[in-house]
Amino acid sequence: MTDAQERLGKLLTREKAQGERAAIKRLLASLGFESPKALTEFVAAQREAEQAAL
């Protein structure tokens, strides 16, 4: 593989990762969460409430 191909591969990988992060941010926002941590905390609270109800 040439140096140019390697650089292109790295660039495409970085762009793909940026796109994935942007998609995750949009999904979280559409669900009403500001961050992955907020979603994690919500899920944990829901699980605790579910266990307490049993």
PDB file of N, CA and C in Angstrom:
ATOM      1  N   MET A   1       0.849  -1.173   0.000  1.00  0.00           N
ATOM      2  CA  MET A   1       0.000   0.000   0.000  1.00  0.00           C
ATOM      3  C   MET A   1       0.896   1.236   0.000  1.00  0.00           C
ATOM      4  N   THR A   2       0.523   2.197  -0.783  1.00  0.00           N
ATOM      5  CA  THR A   2       1.339   3.410  -0.862  1.00  0.00           C
ATOM      6  C   THR A   2       1.031   4.335   0.299  1.00  0.00           C
ATOM      7  N   ASP A   3       1.922   5.290   0.502  1.00  0.00           N
ATOM      8  CA  ASP A   3       1.749   6.268   1.568  1.00  0.00           C
ATOM      9  C   ASP A   3       0.459   7.056   1.360  1.00  0.00           C
ATOM     10  N   ALA A   4       0.165   7.417   0.123  1.00  0.00           N
ATOM     11  CA  ALA A   4      -1.053   8.180  -0.181  1.00  0.00           C
ATOM     12  C   ALA A   4      -2.297   7.352   0.141  1.00  0.00           C
ATOM     13  N   GLN A   5      -2.256   6.074  -0.152  1.00  0.00           N
ATOM     14  CA  GLN A   5      -3.397   5.204   0.156  1.00  0.00           C
ATOM     15  C   GLN A   5      -3.597   5.095   1.664  1.00  0.00           C
ATOM     16  N   GLU A   6      -2.509   4.996   2.406  1.00  0.00           N
ATOM     17  CA  GLU A   6      -2.594   4.914   3.859  1.00  0.00           C
ATOM     18  C   GLU A   6      -3.186   6.197   4.436  1.00  0.00           C
ATOM     19  N   ARG A   7      -2.720   7.338   3.929  1.00  0.00           N
ATOM     20  CA  ARG A   7      -3.256   8.622   4.411  1.00  0.00           C
ATOM     21  C   ARG A   7      -4.739   8.734   4.097  1.00  0.00           C
ATOM     22  N   LEU A   8      -5.124   8.331   2.894  1.00  0.00           N
ATOM     23  CA  LEU A   8      -6.522   8.373   2.499  1.00  0.00           C
ATOM     24  C   LEU A   8      -7.353   7.454   3.405  1.00  0.00           C
ATOM     25  N   GLY A   9      -6.843   6.277   3.664  1.00  0.00           N
ATOM     26  CA  GLY A   9      -7.543   5.343   4.543  1.00  0.00           C
ATOM     27  C   GLY A   9      -7.745   5.922   5.933  1.00  0.00           C
ATOM     28  N   LYS A  10      -6.711   6.562   6.467  1.00  0.00           N
ATOM     29  CA  LYS A  10      -6.814   7.176   7.795  1.00  0.00           C
ATOM     30  C   LYS A  10      -7.812   8.328   7.781  1.00  0.00           C
ATOM     31  N   LEU A  11      -7.789   9.120   6.729  1.00  0.00           N
ATOM     32  CA  LEU A  11      -8.712  10.243   6.602  1.00  0.00           C
ATOM     33  C   LEU A  11     -10.153   9.736   6.543  1.00  0.00           C
ATOM     34  N   LEU A  12     -10.395   8.725   5.754  1.00  0.00           N
ATOM     35  CA  LEU A  12     -11.745   8.180   5.636  1.00  0.00           C
ATOM     36  C   LEU A  12     -12.215   7.582   6.960  1.00  0.00           C
ATOM     37  N   THR A  13     -11.331   6.924   7.668  1.00  0.00           N
ATOM     38  CA  THR A  13     -11.672   6.364   8.973  1.00  0.00           C
ATOM     39  C   THR A  13     -12.051   7.462   9.942  1.00  0.00           C
ATOM     40  N   ARG A  14     -11.281   8.539   9.946  1.00  0.00           N
ATOM     41  CA  ARG A  14     -11.557   9.672  10.834  1.00  0.00           C
ATOM     42  C   ARG A  14     -12.891  10.318  10.477  1.00  0.00           C
ATOM     43  N   GLU A  15     -13.155  10.498   9.189  1.00  0.00           N
ATOM     44  CA  GLU A  15     -14.420  11.101   8.752  1.00  0.00           C
ATOM     45  C   GLU A  15     -15.605  10.220   9.139  1.00  0.00           C
ATOM     46  N   LYS A  16     -15.440   8.920   8.993  1.00  0.00           N
ATOM     47  CA  LYS A  16     -16.509   7.994   9.365  1.00  0.00           C
ATOM     48  C   LYS A  16     -16.800   8.098  10.851  1.00  0.00           C
ATOM     49  N   ALA A  17     -15.762   8.144  11.666  1.00  0.00           N
ATOM     50  CA  ALA A  17     -15.932   8.257  13.118  1.00  0.00           C
ATOM     51  C   ALA A  17     -16.631   9.566  13.478  1.00  0.00           C
ATOM     52  N   GLN A  18     -16.265  10.653  12.812  1.00  0.00           N
ATOM     53  CA  GLN A  18     -16.915  11.939  13.079  1.00  0.00           C
ATOM     54  C   GLN A  18     -18.400  11.875  12.711  1.00  0.00           C
ATOM     55  N   GLY A  19     -18.699  11.235  11.619  1.00  0.00           N
ATOM     56  CA  GLY A  19     -20.089  11.080  11.197  1.00  0.00           C
ATOM     57  C   GLY A  19     -20.883  10.242  12.190  1.00  0.00           C
ATOM     58  N   GLU A  20     -20.267   9.185  12.707  1.00  0.00           N
ATOM     59  CA  GLU A  20     -20.940   8.341  13.692  1.00  0.00           C
ATOM     60  C   GLU A  20     -21.220   9.128  14.970  1.00  0.00           C
ATOM     61  N   ARG A  21     -20.235   9.923  15.414  1.00  0.00           N
ATOM     62  CA  ARG A  21     -20.442  10.731  16.621  1.00  0.00           C
ATOM     63  C   ARG A  21     -21.562  11.742  16.418  1.00  0.00           C
ATOM     64  N   ALA A  22     -21.609  12.352  15.238  1.00  0.00           N
ATOM     65  CA  ALA A  22     -22.661  13.320  14.943  1.00  0.00           C
ATOM     66  C   ALA A  22     -24.029  12.641  14.938  1.00  0.00           C
ATOM     67  N   ALA A  23     -24.109  11.459  14.385  1.00  0.00           N
ATOM     68  CA  ALA A  23     -25.378  10.725  14.347  1.00  0.00           C
ATOM     69  C   ALA A  23     -25.837  10.367  15.759  1.00  0.00           C
ATOM     70  N   ILE A  24     -24.909   9.966  16.601  1.00  0.00           N
ATOM     71  CA  ILE A  24     -25.250   9.634  17.982  1.00  0.00           C
ATOM     72  C   ILE A  24     -25.751  10.872  18.708  1.00  0.00           C
ATOM     73  N   LYS A  25     -25.090  12.012  18.498  1.00  0.00           N
ATOM     74  CA  LYS A  25     -25.533  13.260  19.134  1.00  0.00           C
ATOM     75  C   LYS A  25     -26.947  13.622  18.686  1.00  0.00           C
ATOM     76  N   ARG A  26     -27.227  13.479  17.387  1.00  0.00           N
ATOM     77  CA  ARG A  26     -28.562  13.791  16.881  1.00  0.00           C
ATOM     78  C   ARG A  26     -29.603  12.853  17.480  1.00  0.00           C
ATOM     79  N   LEU A  27     -29.281  11.574  17.583  1.00  0.00           N
ATOM     80  CA  LEU A  27     -30.209  10.607  18.164  1.00  0.00           C
ATOM     81  C   LEU A  27     -30.488  10.938  19.624  1.00  0.00           C
ATOM     82  N   LEU A  28     -29.441  11.201  20.386  1.00  0.00           N
ATOM     83  CA  LEU A  28     -29.625  11.554  21.793  1.00  0.00           C
ATOM     84  C   LEU A  28     -30.489  12.799  21.933  1.00  0.00           C
ATOM     85  N   ALA A  29     -30.213  13.807  21.129  1.00  0.00           N
ATOM     86  CA  ALA A  29     -30.984  15.051  21.187  1.00  0.00           C
ATOM     87  C   ALA A  29     -32.448  14.796  20.837  1.00  0.00           C
ATOM     88  N   SER A  30     -32.690  13.957  19.854  1.00  0.00           N
ATOM     89  CA  SER A  30     -34.075  13.678  19.459  1.00  0.00           C
ATOM     90  C   SER A  30     -34.828  12.937  20.559  1.00  0.00           C
ATOM     91  N   LEU A  31     -34.103  12.231  21.409  1.00  0.00           N
ATOM     92  CA  LEU A  31     -34.711  11.522  22.538  1.00  0.00           C
ATOM     93  C   LEU A  31     -34.769  12.377  23.794  1.00  0.00           C
ATOM     94  N   GLY A  32     -34.227  13.591  23.719  1.00  0.00           N
ATOM     95  CA  GLY A  32     -34.280  14.506  24.843  1.00  0.00           C
ATOM     96  C   GLY A  32     -33.111  14.415  25.809  1.00  0.00           C
ATOM     97  N   PHE A  33     -32.024  13.810  25.393  1.00  0.00           N
ATOM     98  CA  PHE A  33     -30.845  13.679  26.241  1.00  0.00           C
ATOM     99  C   PHE A  33     -29.730  14.581  25.737  1.00  0.00           C
ATOM    100  N   GLU A  34     -29.018  15.190  26.680  1.00  0.00           N
ATOM    101  CA  GLU A  34     -27.938  16.106  26.314  1.00  0.00           C
ATOM    102  C   GLU A  34     -26.616  15.391  26.060  1.00  0.00           C
ATOM    103  N   SER A  35     -26.483  14.176  26.620  1.00  0.00           N
ATOM    104  CA  SER A  35     -25.206  13.463  26.502  1.00  0.00           C
ATOM    105  C   SER A  35     -25.435  11.973  26.693  1.00  0.00           C
ATOM    106  N   PRO A  36     -24.454  11.163  26.311  1.00  0.00           N
ATOM    107  CA  PRO A  36     -24.554   9.732  26.581  1.00  0.00           C
ATOM    108  C   PRO A  36     -24.684   9.455  28.086  1.00  0.00           C
ATOM    109  N   LYS A  37     -24.023  10.262  28.895  1.00  0.00           N
ATOM    110  CA  LYS A  37     -24.091  10.077  30.347  1.00  0.00           C
ATOM    111  C   LYS A  37     -25.522  10.266  30.844  1.00  0.00           C
ATOM    112  N   ALA A  38     -26.229  11.258  30.309  1.00  0.00           N
ATOM    113  CA  ALA A  38     -27.616  11.499  30.709  1.00  0.00           C
ATOM    114  C   ALA A  38     -28.494  10.295  30.368  1.00  0.00           C
ATOM    115  N   LEU A  39     -28.277   9.697  29.213  1.00  0.00           N
ATOM    116  CA  LEU A  39     -29.029   8.504  28.827  1.00  0.00           C
ATOM    117  C   LEU A  39     -28.701   7.349  29.762  1.00  0.00           C
ATOM    118  N   THR A  40     -27.433   7.161  30.066  1.00  0.00           N
ATOM    119  CA  THR A  40     -27.013   6.096  30.967  1.00  0.00           C
ATOM    120  C   THR A  40     -27.658   6.252  32.341  1.00  0.00           C
ATOM    121  N   GLU A  41     -27.672   7.484  32.846  1.00  0.00           N
ATOM    122  CA  GLU A  41     -28.279   7.745  34.152  1.00  0.00           C
ATOM    123  C   GLU A  41     -29.786   7.477  34.118  1.00  0.00           C
ATOM    124  N   PHE A  42     -30.444   7.857  33.032  1.00  0.00           N
ATOM    125  CA  PHE A  42     -31.876   7.614  32.897  1.00  0.00           C
ATOM    126  C   PHE A  42     -32.164   6.114  32.907  1.00  0.00           C
ATOM    127  N   VAL A  43     -31.410   5.356  32.137  1.00  0.00           N
ATOM    128  CA  VAL A  43     -31.622   3.907  32.069  1.00  0.00           C
ATOM    129  C   VAL A  43     -31.382   3.272  33.434  1.00  0.00           C
ATOM    130  N   ALA A  44     -30.336   3.699  34.126  1.00  0.00           N
ATOM    131  CA  ALA A  44     -30.050   3.160  35.456  1.00  0.00           C
ATOM    132  C   ALA A  44     -31.199   3.453  36.419  1.00  0.00           C
ATOM    133  N   ALA A  45     -31.725   4.671  36.372  1.00  0.00           N
ATOM    134  CA  ALA A  45     -32.840   5.037  37.246  1.00  0.00           C
ATOM    135  C   ALA A  45     -34.083   4.211  36.920  1.00  0.00           C
ATOM    136  N   GLN A  46     -34.328   3.973  35.646  1.00  0.00           N
ATOM    137  CA  GLN A  46     -35.475   3.167  35.250  1.00  0.00           C
ATOM    138  C   GLN A  46     -35.333   1.729  35.741  1.00  0.00           C
ATOM    139  N   ARG A  47     -34.131   1.201  35.647  1.00  0.00           N
ATOM    140  CA  ARG A  47     -33.893  -0.183  36.120  1.00  0.00           C
ATOM    141  C   ARG A  47     -34.084  -0.263  37.628  1.00  0.00           C
ATOM    142  N   GLU A  48     -33.596   0.728  38.341  1.00  0.00           N
ATOM    143  CA  GLU A  48     -33.761   0.754  39.806  1.00  0.00           C
ATOM    144  C   GLU A  48     -35.237   0.851  40.180  1.00  0.00           C
ATOM    145  N   ALA A  49     -35.984   1.678  39.478  1.00  0.00           N
ATOM    146  CA  ALA A  49     -37.410   1.811  39.742  1.00  0.00           C
ATOM    147  C   ALA A  49     -38.136   0.512  39.447  1.00  0.00           C
ATOM    148  N   GLU A  50     -37.746  -0.146  38.386  1.00  0.00           N
ATOM    149  CA  GLU A  50     -38.364  -1.420  38.021  1.00  0.00           C
ATOM    150  C   GLU A  50     -38.092  -2.464  39.101  1.00  0.00           C
ATOM    151  N   GLN A  51     -36.861  -2.512  39.590  1.00  0.00           N
ATOM    152  CA  GLN A  51     -36.522  -3.465  40.650  1.00  0.00           C
ATOM    153  C   GLN A  51     -37.263  -3.151  41.942  1.00  0.00           C
ATOM    154  N   ALA A  52     -37.413  -1.873  42.258  1.00  0.00           N
ATOM    155  CA  ALA A  52     -38.107  -1.467  43.483  1.00  0.00           C
ATOM    156  C   ALA A  52     -39.584  -1.821  43.411  1.00  0.00           C
ATOM    157  N   ALA A  53     -40.145  -1.833  42.195  1.00  0.00           N
ATOM    158  CA  ALA A  53     -41.554  -2.139  42.034  1.00  0.00           C
ATOM    159  C   ALA A  53     -41.843  -3.626  42.181  1.00  0.00           C
ATOM    160  N   LEU A  54     -40.829  -4.445  42.100  1.00  0.00           N
ATOM    161  CA  LEU A  54     -41.047  -5.909  42.185  1.00  0.00           C
ATOM    162  C   LEU A  54     -41.284  -6.369  43.586  1.00  0.00           C
TER     163      LEU A  54
END
